Amino acid sequence: MDLSPTLSRFVLHWGEMGTRWGVNRTVAQIHALLYITGRPMHAEEITETLDVARSNVSNSIRELQGWNLVKLIHIAGDRRDHFETSTHVWELFRTIVRERQRREIAPTIEVLAELLADPAISRDPAEAKLRMRETLEFLQTLTAWSDEMLKLDTETLSKVLKLGAKIKKLLGRDAAQPAAPAAAAEVTPAHLLGP
């Protein structure tokens, strides 16, 4: 499959961004290719389109499957395995956040909890223990918040993310200085989310 210059640039850029996010370039390019074409592809077609080694494609697809970003499908009349990804950016966002939490945040929470529960920590400086506790509480809060956000339907989640600085008004704070208490009472969550 020949990609147009626009699609090729998208795939190449996604690969570059992948390396900055800690993902192998080919893994990110394959995901980008499946996403932007919006159709299932077999490994040979991916290999030919991206001009990468077949073994690299196989390993990358396995990694994408491990992230729950790519699934195997079969097409009637074709014995080859085909692979597809979601074409819904919000679904991809949810999957990536869940997987990052599972792979990166949850193990850190577990280790911090174990360290704080270990009696040996009493021999360490109180400041170190405090920093660990604050880090644990931060990660637990962040995880609880993101879990709640991921439960929202896409329309509501989009509105919440677009709130930005408006959330300060809901909490009764202006970006420059604290707002008067009366002003905070005028702003409601329904007002911020709009129609």
N, C-alpha and C. Protein backbone atom coordinates (compact mmCIF):
# COMPACT_ATOMS: atom_id res chain seq x y z
N MET A 1 0.85 -1.17 0.00
CA MET A 1 0.00 0.00 0.00
C MET A 1 0.90 1.24 0.00
N ASP A 2 0.63 2.14 -0.91
CA ASP A 2 1.36 3.40 -0.93
C ASP A 2 0.57 4.45 -0.16
N LEU A 3 1.25 5.09 0.76
CA LEU A 3 0.61 6.16 1.53
C LEU A 3 0.81 7.48 0.83
N SER A 4 -0.18 8.33 0.91
CA SER A 4 -0.03 9.69 0.40
C SER A 4 1.03 10.40 1.25
N PRO A 5 1.59 11.49 0.75
CA PRO A 5 2.56 12.24 1.56
C PRO A 5 2.00 12.67 2.92
N THR A 6 0.74 13.03 2.95
CA THR A 6 0.12 13.47 4.20
C THR A 6 0.04 12.32 5.20
N LEU A 7 -0.46 11.17 4.74
CA LEU A 7 -0.58 10.02 5.64
C LEU A 7 0.80 9.51 6.05
N SER A 8 1.74 9.52 5.13
CA SER A 8 3.10 9.10 5.44
C SER A 8 3.71 9.99 6.52
N ARG A 9 3.50 11.29 6.40
CA ARG A 9 4.03 12.22 7.39
C ARG A 9 3.40 11.97 8.76
N PHE A 10 2.08 11.70 8.78
CA PHE A 10 1.39 11.40 10.03
C PHE A 10 2.02 10.18 10.69
N VAL A 11 2.20 9.11 9.94
CA VAL A 11 2.74 7.86 10.47
C VAL A 11 4.17 8.08 10.98
N LEU A 12 4.99 8.77 10.19
CA LEU A 12 6.37 9.03 10.60
C LEU A 12 6.42 9.89 11.87
N HIS A 13 5.57 10.90 11.91
CA HIS A 13 5.54 11.77 13.10
C HIS A 13 5.10 10.97 14.33
N TRP A 14 4.09 10.13 14.17
CA TRP A 14 3.61 9.33 15.30
C TRP A 14 4.72 8.43 15.81
N GLY A 15 5.53 7.91 14.90
CA GLY A 15 6.68 7.10 15.30
C GLY A 15 7.69 7.90 16.10
N GLU A 16 7.95 9.13 15.64
CA GLU A 16 8.86 10.01 16.38
C GLU A 16 8.31 10.32 17.77
N MET A 17 7.03 10.63 17.83
CA MET A 17 6.42 10.93 19.13
C MET A 17 6.45 9.70 20.03
N GLY A 18 6.25 8.55 19.45
CA GLY A 18 6.31 7.31 20.22
C GLY A 18 7.61 7.16 20.97
N THR A 19 8.73 7.47 20.29
CA THR A 19 10.03 7.36 20.96
C THR A 19 10.12 8.33 22.14
N ARG A 20 9.50 9.48 22.02
CA ARG A 20 9.52 10.45 23.12
C ARG A 20 8.63 10.01 24.28
N TRP A 21 7.64 9.17 23.97
CA TRP A 21 6.73 8.66 25.00
C TRP A 21 7.22 7.33 25.58
N GLY A 22 8.40 6.88 25.11
CA GLY A 22 8.95 5.62 25.61
C GLY A 22 8.44 4.39 24.87
N VAL A 23 7.94 4.59 23.65
CA VAL A 23 7.43 3.49 22.83
C VAL A 23 8.34 3.34 21.62
N ASN A 24 8.63 2.11 21.25
CA ASN A 24 9.44 1.83 20.08
C ASN A 24 8.84 2.51 18.85
N ARG A 25 9.71 3.06 18.00
CA ARG A 25 9.26 3.79 16.81
C ARG A 25 8.36 2.94 15.91
N THR A 26 8.76 1.71 15.63
CA THR A 26 7.97 0.86 14.74
C THR A 26 6.62 0.52 15.35
N VAL A 27 6.60 0.29 16.65
CA VAL A 27 5.32 0.02 17.35
C VAL A 27 4.37 1.20 17.12
N ALA A 28 4.87 2.41 17.34
CA ALA A 28 4.04 3.60 17.17
C ALA A 28 3.62 3.79 15.72
N GLN A 29 4.53 3.52 14.77
CA GLN A 29 4.19 3.68 13.35
C GLN A 29 3.11 2.69 12.92
N ILE A 30 3.21 1.46 13.39
CA ILE A 30 2.19 0.46 13.04
C ILE A 30 0.84 0.88 13.60
N HIS A 31 0.84 1.35 14.84
CA HIS A 31 -0.43 1.79 15.42
C HIS A 31 -0.99 2.97 14.63
N ALA A 32 -0.13 3.91 14.28
CA ALA A 32 -0.57 5.07 13.49
C ALA A 32 -1.12 4.64 12.14
N LEU A 33 -0.46 3.69 11.49
CA LEU A 33 -0.91 3.20 10.18
C LEU A 33 -2.30 2.58 10.28
N LEU A 34 -2.49 1.71 11.26
CA LEU A 34 -3.80 1.07 11.43
C LEU A 34 -4.88 2.09 11.78
N TYR A 35 -4.52 3.07 12.60
CA TYR A 35 -5.47 4.10 13.01
C TYR A 35 -5.87 4.98 11.82
N ILE A 36 -4.88 5.48 11.10
CA ILE A 36 -5.16 6.47 10.06
C ILE A 36 -5.81 5.85 8.82
N THR A 37 -5.49 4.59 8.53
CA THR A 37 -6.14 3.94 7.38
C THR A 37 -7.54 3.46 7.74
N GLY A 38 -7.75 3.16 9.03
CA GLY A 38 -9.08 2.79 9.50
C GLY A 38 -9.58 1.46 8.99
N ARG A 39 -8.65 0.57 8.66
CA ARG A 39 -9.07 -0.75 8.18
C ARG A 39 -8.08 -1.82 8.63
N PRO A 40 -8.53 -3.07 8.70
CA PRO A 40 -7.62 -4.15 9.09
C PRO A 40 -6.53 -4.35 8.03
N MET A 41 -5.35 -4.72 8.49
CA MET A 41 -4.24 -5.00 7.59
C MET A 41 -3.53 -6.26 8.05
N HIS A 42 -2.97 -7.03 7.11
CA HIS A 42 -2.19 -8.19 7.48
C HIS A 42 -0.72 -7.78 7.60
N ALA A 43 0.07 -8.62 8.26
CA ALA A 43 1.45 -8.26 8.59
C ALA A 43 2.29 -7.96 7.35
N GLU A 44 2.07 -8.71 6.28
CA GLU A 44 2.86 -8.48 5.07
C GLU A 44 2.58 -7.09 4.49
N GLU A 45 1.32 -6.68 4.53
CA GLU A 45 0.97 -5.35 4.02
C GLU A 45 1.60 -4.25 4.90
N ILE A 46 1.60 -4.48 6.18
CA ILE A 46 2.22 -3.52 7.10
C ILE A 46 3.72 -3.45 6.82
N THR A 47 4.34 -4.61 6.66
CA THR A 47 5.78 -4.68 6.37
C THR A 47 6.12 -3.91 5.11
N GLU A 48 5.33 -4.15 4.06
CA GLU A 48 5.57 -3.48 2.77
C GLU A 48 5.32 -1.98 2.86
N THR A 49 4.26 -1.59 3.51
CA THR A 49 3.90 -0.17 3.60
C THR A 49 4.92 0.64 4.38
N LEU A 50 5.39 0.07 5.49
CA LEU A 50 6.33 0.80 6.34
C LEU A 50 7.79 0.52 6.00
N ASP A 51 8.01 -0.46 5.13
CA ASP A 51 9.36 -0.85 4.72
C ASP A 51 10.22 -1.20 5.94
N VAL A 52 9.67 -2.11 6.76
CA VAL A 52 10.37 -2.60 7.94
C VAL A 52 10.41 -4.12 7.89
N ALA A 53 11.27 -4.72 8.69
CA ALA A 53 11.42 -6.18 8.71
C ALA A 53 10.15 -6.85 9.22
N ARG A 54 9.85 -8.00 8.64
CA ARG A 54 8.66 -8.76 9.03
C ARG A 54 8.71 -9.13 10.51
N SER A 55 9.89 -9.51 11.01
CA SER A 55 10.03 -9.87 12.42
C SER A 55 9.75 -8.66 13.31
N ASN A 56 10.14 -7.49 12.86
CA ASN A 56 9.88 -6.26 13.61
C ASN A 56 8.37 -6.02 13.69
N VAL A 57 7.67 -6.26 12.58
CA VAL A 57 6.22 -6.09 12.56
C VAL A 57 5.56 -7.07 13.54
N SER A 58 6.00 -8.33 13.51
CA SER A 58 5.41 -9.34 14.40
C SER A 58 5.60 -8.96 15.86
N ASN A 59 6.81 -8.57 16.22
CA ASN A 59 7.09 -8.18 17.61
C ASN A 59 6.30 -6.93 18.00
N SER A 60 6.21 -5.99 17.09
CA SER A 60 5.49 -4.74 17.38
C SER A 60 4.00 -5.00 17.56
N ILE A 61 3.44 -5.88 16.73
CA ILE A 61 2.02 -6.20 16.85
C ILE A 61 1.75 -6.88 18.19
N ARG A 62 2.65 -7.78 18.60
CA ARG A 62 2.48 -8.42 19.92
C ARG A 62 2.49 -7.37 21.03
N GLU A 63 3.39 -6.40 20.92
CA GLU A 63 3.43 -5.34 21.94
C GLU A 63 2.14 -4.53 21.93
N LEU A 64 1.64 -4.19 20.75
CA LEU A 64 0.39 -3.44 20.66
C LEU A 64 -0.79 -4.24 21.21
N GLN A 65 -0.76 -5.54 21.00
CA GLN A 65 -1.81 -6.39 21.57
C GLN A 65 -1.71 -6.41 23.09
N GLY A 66 -0.48 -6.41 23.61
CA GLY A 66 -0.27 -6.36 25.05
C GLY A 66 -0.80 -5.07 25.67
N TRP A 67 -0.82 -4.01 24.88
CA TRP A 67 -1.36 -2.72 25.33
C TRP A 67 -2.88 -2.64 25.08
N ASN A 68 -3.46 -3.68 24.52
CA ASN A 68 -4.89 -3.70 24.15
C ASN A 68 -5.23 -2.63 23.12
N LEU A 69 -4.26 -2.29 22.28
CA LEU A 69 -4.48 -1.28 21.24
C LEU A 69 -4.74 -1.90 19.87
N VAL A 70 -4.36 -3.15 19.69
CA VAL A 70 -4.56 -3.83 18.41
C VAL A 70 -5.16 -5.19 18.69
N LYS A 71 -6.11 -5.58 17.84
CA LYS A 71 -6.68 -6.91 18.00
C LYS A 71 -6.61 -7.67 16.68
N LEU A 72 -6.54 -8.97 16.82
CA LEU A 72 -6.48 -9.89 15.69
C LEU A 72 -7.90 -10.12 15.18
N ILE A 73 -8.07 -10.05 13.87
CA ILE A 73 -9.36 -10.39 13.27
C ILE A 73 -9.12 -11.26 12.04
N HIS A 74 -10.16 -11.93 11.62
CA HIS A 74 -10.09 -12.74 10.41
C HIS A 74 -11.07 -12.19 9.38
N ILE A 75 -10.66 -12.27 8.15
CA ILE A 75 -11.49 -11.79 7.05
C ILE A 75 -11.86 -12.98 6.19
N ALA A 76 -13.15 -13.10 5.89
CA ALA A 76 -13.64 -14.23 5.10
C ALA A 76 -12.87 -14.32 3.78
N GLY A 77 -12.43 -15.54 3.45
CA GLY A 77 -11.72 -15.76 2.20
C GLY A 77 -10.24 -15.48 2.25
N ASP A 78 -9.74 -15.04 3.38
CA ASP A 78 -8.31 -14.74 3.52
C ASP A 78 -7.82 -15.47 4.77
N ARG A 79 -6.86 -16.36 4.59
CA ARG A 79 -6.38 -17.17 5.71
C ARG A 79 -5.38 -16.43 6.60
N ARG A 80 -4.92 -15.28 6.16
CA ARG A 80 -3.94 -14.53 6.94
C ARG A 80 -4.60 -13.83 8.12
N ASP A 81 -3.81 -13.63 9.15
CA ASP A 81 -4.26 -12.86 10.30
C ASP A 81 -4.22 -11.38 9.93
N HIS A 82 -5.28 -10.68 10.28
CA HIS A 82 -5.35 -9.23 10.06
C HIS A 82 -5.41 -8.56 11.43
N PHE A 83 -4.99 -7.31 11.46
CA PHE A 83 -4.95 -6.57 12.71
C PHE A 83 -5.63 -5.23 12.53
N GLU A 84 -6.33 -4.82 13.58
CA GLU A 84 -7.01 -3.53 13.53
C GLU A 84 -6.91 -2.85 14.87
N THR A 85 -7.11 -1.54 14.85
CA THR A 85 -7.17 -0.75 16.06
C THR A 85 -8.44 0.09 16.01
N SER A 86 -8.78 0.64 17.12
CA SER A 86 -9.95 1.51 17.16
C SER A 86 -9.68 2.76 16.31
N THR A 87 -10.72 3.25 15.70
CA THR A 87 -10.61 4.50 14.94
C THR A 87 -11.21 5.66 15.73
N HIS A 88 -11.53 5.40 16.99
CA HIS A 88 -12.11 6.43 17.86
C HIS A 88 -11.03 6.93 18.82
N VAL A 89 -10.62 8.16 18.65
CA VAL A 89 -9.50 8.71 19.43
C VAL A 89 -9.77 8.68 20.93
N TRP A 90 -11.00 8.89 21.34
CA TRP A 90 -11.32 8.88 22.77
C TRP A 90 -11.18 7.47 23.35
N GLU A 91 -11.55 6.46 22.58
CA GLU A 91 -11.38 5.08 23.02
C GLU A 91 -9.89 4.76 23.16
N LEU A 92 -9.10 5.22 22.21
CA LEU A 92 -7.65 5.01 22.29
C LEU A 92 -7.07 5.71 23.52
N PHE A 93 -7.53 6.92 23.76
CA PHE A 93 -7.07 7.68 24.93
C PHE A 93 -7.37 6.90 26.21
N ARG A 94 -8.59 6.39 26.33
CA ARG A 94 -8.97 5.63 27.53
C ARG A 94 -8.09 4.39 27.69
N THR A 95 -7.86 3.69 26.60
CA THR A 95 -7.04 2.47 26.65
C THR A 95 -5.62 2.79 27.09
N ILE A 96 -5.04 3.83 26.51
CA ILE A 96 -3.66 4.19 26.85
C ILE A 96 -3.56 4.62 28.31
N VAL A 97 -4.51 5.41 28.79
CA VAL A 97 -4.48 5.84 30.20
C VAL A 97 -4.59 4.62 31.12
N ARG A 98 -5.53 3.73 30.82
CA ARG A 98 -5.70 2.53 31.66
C ARG A 98 -4.42 1.69 31.68
N GLU A 99 -3.83 1.50 30.51
CA GLU A 99 -2.63 0.68 30.42
C GLU A 99 -1.44 1.35 31.12
N ARG A 100 -1.31 2.66 30.98
CA ARG A 100 -0.21 3.36 31.67
C ARG A 100 -0.41 3.25 33.19
N GLN A 101 -1.64 3.36 33.64
CA GLN A 101 -1.91 3.21 35.07
C GLN A 101 -1.52 1.80 35.53
N ARG A 102 -1.93 0.81 34.78
CA ARG A 102 -1.67 -0.59 35.14
C ARG A 102 -0.17 -0.90 35.14
N ARG A 103 0.55 -0.39 34.14
CA ARG A 103 1.96 -0.73 33.98
C ARG A 103 2.90 0.15 34.81
N GLU A 104 2.53 1.40 35.03
CA GLU A 104 3.46 2.35 35.63
C GLU A 104 3.02 2.86 37.00
N ILE A 105 1.78 3.27 37.11
CA ILE A 105 1.32 3.90 38.36
C ILE A 105 1.02 2.85 39.43
N ALA A 106 0.27 1.81 39.09
CA ALA A 106 -0.10 0.80 40.09
C ALA A 106 1.12 0.14 40.74
N PRO A 107 2.15 -0.26 39.98
CA PRO A 107 3.33 -0.83 40.66
C PRO A 107 4.03 0.16 41.59
N THR A 108 4.04 1.43 41.22
CA THR A 108 4.67 2.45 42.07
C THR A 108 3.87 2.64 43.35
N ILE A 109 2.55 2.65 43.25
CA ILE A 109 1.70 2.74 44.44
C ILE A 109 1.97 1.55 45.36
N GLU A 110 2.07 0.38 44.76
CA GLU A 110 2.31 -0.84 45.55
C GLU A 110 3.65 -0.77 46.29
N VAL A 111 4.70 -0.36 45.60
CA VAL A 111 6.02 -0.27 46.23
C VAL A 111 6.04 0.79 47.33
N LEU A 112 5.45 1.95 47.05
CA LEU A 112 5.42 3.01 48.07
C LEU A 112 4.66 2.54 49.31
N ALA A 113 3.55 1.87 49.12
CA ALA A 113 2.77 1.37 50.27
C ALA A 113 3.59 0.36 51.07
N GLU A 114 4.31 -0.52 50.36
CA GLU A 114 5.15 -1.51 51.05
C GLU A 114 6.27 -0.82 51.84
N LEU A 115 6.91 0.17 51.22
CA LEU A 115 8.00 0.89 51.89
C LEU A 115 7.50 1.60 53.14
N LEU A 116 6.35 2.24 53.03
CA LEU A 116 5.81 2.97 54.17
C LEU A 116 5.33 2.04 55.29
N ALA A 117 4.96 0.81 54.93
CA ALA A 117 4.50 -0.15 55.92
C ALA A 117 5.66 -0.91 56.58
N ASP A 118 6.83 -0.84 55.99
CA ASP A 118 8.00 -1.54 56.50
C ASP A 118 8.54 -0.83 57.75
N PRO A 119 8.66 -1.53 58.88
CA PRO A 119 9.18 -0.90 60.10
C PRO A 119 10.58 -0.30 59.92
N ALA A 120 11.33 -0.78 58.96
CA ALA A 120 12.69 -0.28 58.73
C ALA A 120 12.69 1.20 58.33
N ILE A 121 11.58 1.68 57.85
CA ILE A 121 11.53 3.09 57.43
C ILE A 121 11.74 4.03 58.61
N SER A 122 11.52 3.55 59.82
CA SER A 122 11.70 4.40 61.00
C SER A 122 13.16 4.84 61.17
N ARG A 123 14.09 4.13 60.53
CA ARG A 123 15.50 4.51 60.61
C ARG A 123 15.88 5.57 59.58
N ASP A 124 14.96 5.85 58.65
CA ASP A 124 15.23 6.85 57.61
C ASP A 124 14.75 8.22 58.06
N PRO A 125 15.29 9.28 57.42
CA PRO A 125 14.87 10.64 57.81
C PRO A 125 13.36 10.83 57.67
N ALA A 126 12.78 11.58 58.59
CA ALA A 126 11.34 11.85 58.57
C ALA A 126 10.93 12.53 57.28
N GLU A 127 11.82 13.40 56.73
CA GLU A 127 11.51 14.10 55.48
C GLU A 127 11.34 13.12 54.32
N ALA A 128 12.17 12.08 54.30
CA ALA A 128 12.07 11.08 53.23
C ALA A 128 10.75 10.32 53.32
N LYS A 129 10.39 9.95 54.56
CA LYS A 129 9.12 9.25 54.77
C LYS A 129 7.95 10.14 54.36
N LEU A 130 8.02 11.42 54.71
CA LEU A 130 6.97 12.37 54.35
C LEU A 130 6.85 12.48 52.82
N ARG A 131 7.98 12.57 52.14
CA ARG A 131 7.94 12.68 50.67
C ARG A 131 7.34 11.43 50.04
N MET A 132 7.70 10.27 50.58
CA MET A 132 7.11 9.02 50.06
C MET A 132 5.61 9.01 50.29
N ARG A 133 5.17 9.42 51.48
CA ARG A 133 3.74 9.43 51.78
C ARG A 133 3.00 10.41 50.86
N GLU A 134 3.59 11.60 50.67
CA GLU A 134 2.98 12.59 49.77
C GLU A 134 2.91 12.06 48.33
N THR A 135 3.96 11.38 47.90
CA THR A 135 3.95 10.80 46.55
C THR A 135 2.88 9.73 46.43
N LEU A 136 2.78 8.88 47.43
CA LEU A 136 1.75 7.84 47.43
C LEU A 136 0.36 8.46 47.39
N GLU A 137 0.11 9.45 48.24
CA GLU A 137 -1.20 10.10 48.26
C GLU A 137 -1.51 10.79 46.93
N PHE A 138 -0.50 11.42 46.35
CA PHE A 138 -0.68 12.06 45.05
C PHE A 138 -1.07 11.03 43.98
N LEU A 139 -0.33 9.93 43.91
CA LEU A 139 -0.62 8.91 42.90
C LEU A 139 -1.98 8.26 43.13
N GLN A 140 -2.35 8.04 44.39
CA GLN A 140 -3.67 7.48 44.69
C GLN A 140 -4.79 8.44 44.28
N THR A 141 -4.58 9.72 44.55
CA THR A 141 -5.57 10.73 44.17
C THR A 141 -5.69 10.83 42.66
N LEU A 142 -4.55 10.88 41.99
CA LEU A 142 -4.54 10.95 40.53
C LEU A 142 -5.23 9.74 39.91
N THR A 143 -4.96 8.56 40.46
CA THR A 143 -5.58 7.34 39.95
C THR A 143 -7.09 7.34 40.17
N ALA A 144 -7.51 7.73 41.35
CA ALA A 144 -8.95 7.78 41.63
C ALA A 144 -9.64 8.78 40.70
N TRP A 145 -9.01 9.95 40.50
CA TRP A 145 -9.58 10.96 39.62
C TRP A 145 -9.67 10.44 38.18
N SER A 146 -8.58 9.87 37.69
CA SER A 146 -8.61 9.40 36.30
C SER A 146 -9.58 8.24 36.12
N ASP A 147 -9.71 7.37 37.12
CA ASP A 147 -10.70 6.29 37.05
C ASP A 147 -12.10 6.86 36.89
N GLU A 148 -12.41 7.91 37.65
CA GLU A 148 -13.73 8.55 37.56
C GLU A 148 -13.90 9.22 36.19
N MET A 149 -12.88 9.88 35.71
CA MET A 149 -12.95 10.56 34.41
C MET A 149 -13.17 9.56 33.27
N LEU A 150 -12.51 8.40 33.36
CA LEU A 150 -12.63 7.40 32.30
C LEU A 150 -14.02 6.75 32.27
N LYS A 151 -14.76 6.86 33.36
CA LYS A 151 -16.12 6.32 33.40
C LYS A 151 -17.12 7.23 32.69
N LEU A 152 -16.74 8.49 32.50
CA LEU A 152 -17.65 9.45 31.86
C LEU A 152 -17.84 9.11 30.38
N ASP A 153 -19.02 9.42 29.87
CA ASP A 153 -19.22 9.28 28.43
C ASP A 153 -18.32 10.29 27.72
N THR A 154 -18.06 10.06 26.47
CA THR A 154 -17.11 10.88 25.71
C THR A 154 -17.50 12.35 25.69
N GLU A 155 -18.77 12.65 25.49
CA GLU A 155 -19.20 14.05 25.42
C GLU A 155 -18.92 14.78 26.73
N THR A 156 -19.24 14.14 27.85
CA THR A 156 -19.01 14.77 29.15
C THR A 156 -17.52 14.89 29.44
N LEU A 157 -16.76 13.85 29.13
CA LEU A 157 -15.32 13.90 29.35
C LEU A 157 -14.68 15.03 28.54
N SER A 158 -15.12 15.18 27.31
CA SER A 158 -14.60 16.26 26.46
C SER A 158 -14.88 17.63 27.08
N LYS A 159 -16.10 17.80 27.59
CA LYS A 159 -16.46 19.08 28.23
C LYS A 159 -15.62 19.32 29.48
N VAL A 160 -15.40 18.28 30.27
CA VAL A 160 -14.60 18.43 31.49
C VAL A 160 -13.18 18.85 31.12
N LEU A 161 -12.61 18.24 30.11
CA LEU A 161 -11.25 18.58 29.72
C LEU A 161 -11.15 19.99 29.14
N LYS A 162 -12.23 20.46 28.52
CA LYS A 162 -12.23 21.80 27.94
C LYS A 162 -12.46 22.89 28.99
N LEU A 163 -12.84 22.48 30.19
CA LEU A 163 -13.09 23.47 31.24
C LEU A 163 -11.86 24.31 31.53
N GLY A 164 -10.72 23.66 31.59
CA GLY A 164 -9.48 24.39 31.85
C GLY A 164 -9.58 25.29 33.07
N ALA A 165 -9.25 26.56 32.87
CA ALA A 165 -9.21 27.53 33.96
C ALA A 165 -10.60 27.82 34.53
N LYS A 166 -11.65 27.48 33.80
CA LYS A 166 -13.00 27.73 34.31
C LYS A 166 -13.26 26.97 35.60
N ILE A 167 -12.54 25.88 35.80
CA ILE A 167 -12.74 25.10 37.01
C ILE A 167 -12.37 25.92 38.24
N LYS A 168 -11.45 26.87 38.07
CA LYS A 168 -11.09 27.74 39.19
C LYS A 168 -12.28 28.57 39.64
N LYS A 169 -13.12 28.97 38.69
CA LYS A 169 -14.32 29.74 39.05
C LYS A 169 -15.27 28.88 39.87
N LEU A 170 -15.39 27.61 39.49
CA LEU A 170 -16.25 26.70 40.23
C LEU A 170 -15.77 26.56 41.67
N LEU A 171 -14.47 26.54 41.83
CA LEU A 171 -13.90 26.41 43.17
C LEU A 171 -13.80 27.73 43.90
N GLY A 172 -14.17 28.83 43.21
CA GLY A 172 -14.15 30.14 43.85
C GLY A 172 -12.81 30.82 43.80
N ARG A 173 -11.99 30.46 42.79
CA ARG A 173 -10.67 31.08 42.67
C ARG A 173 -10.47 31.61 41.26
N ASP A 174 -9.92 32.80 41.20
CA ASP A 174 -9.54 33.41 39.92
C ASP A 174 -8.10 33.03 39.66
N ALA A 175 -7.69 33.07 38.40
CA ALA A 175 -6.31 32.72 38.06
C ALA A 175 -5.31 33.64 38.74
N ALA A 176 -5.64 34.93 38.89
CA ALA A 176 -4.71 35.90 39.46
C ALA A 176 -4.80 35.96 40.98
N GLN A 177 -6.02 35.95 41.51
CA GLN A 177 -6.19 36.07 42.95
C GLN A 177 -7.49 35.39 43.36
N PRO A 178 -7.64 35.12 44.66
CA PRO A 178 -8.87 34.47 45.12
C PRO A 178 -10.10 35.32 44.80
N ALA A 179 -11.16 34.64 44.38
CA ALA A 179 -12.41 35.34 44.06
C ALA A 179 -13.22 35.54 45.33
N ALA A 180 -14.11 36.49 45.26
CA ALA A 180 -15.01 36.74 46.38
C ALA A 180 -15.94 35.55 46.54
N PRO A 181 -16.31 35.15 47.74
CA PRO A 181 -17.18 34.01 47.96
C PRO A 181 -18.51 34.11 47.21
N ALA A 182 -19.06 35.29 47.06
CA ALA A 182 -20.34 35.45 46.38
C ALA A 182 -20.22 35.06 44.91
N ALA A 183 -19.09 35.36 44.28
CA ALA A 183 -18.91 35.01 42.87
C ALA A 183 -18.88 33.51 42.68
N ALA A 184 -18.32 32.79 43.64
CA ALA A 184 -18.25 31.34 43.53
C ALA A 184 -19.63 30.72 43.56
N ALA A 185 -20.53 31.31 44.32
CA ALA A 185 -21.87 30.75 44.43
C ALA A 185 -22.65 30.87 43.13
N GLU A 186 -22.27 31.81 42.28
CA GLU A 186 -22.99 32.00 41.02
C GLU A 186 -22.63 30.96 39.96
N VAL A 187 -21.49 30.33 40.10
CA VAL A 187 -21.02 29.37 39.11
C VAL A 187 -21.32 27.95 39.59
N THR A 188 -21.99 27.19 38.76
CA THR A 188 -22.33 25.81 39.11
C THR A 188 -21.68 24.87 38.10
N PRO A 189 -21.53 23.60 38.45
CA PRO A 189 -20.98 22.64 37.49
C PRO A 189 -21.82 22.59 36.21
N ALA A 190 -23.13 22.67 36.35
CA ALA A 190 -24.00 22.66 35.16
C ALA A 190 -23.72 23.86 34.28
N HIS A 191 -23.47 25.01 34.90
CA HIS A 191 -23.15 26.23 34.14
C HIS A 191 -21.86 26.03 33.34
N LEU A 192 -20.86 25.40 33.96
CA LEU A 192 -19.58 25.22 33.29
C LEU A 192 -19.66 24.21 32.16
N LEU A 193 -20.45 23.16 32.33
CA LEU A 193 -20.57 22.14 31.29
C LEU A 193 -21.43 22.62 30.12
N GLY A 194 -22.28 23.56 30.38
CA GLY A 194 -23.08 24.13 29.30
C GLY A 194 -24.18 23.22 28.82
N PRO A 195 -24.82 23.63 27.71
CA PRO A 195 -25.94 22.82 27.21
C PRO A 195 -25.49 21.53 26.60
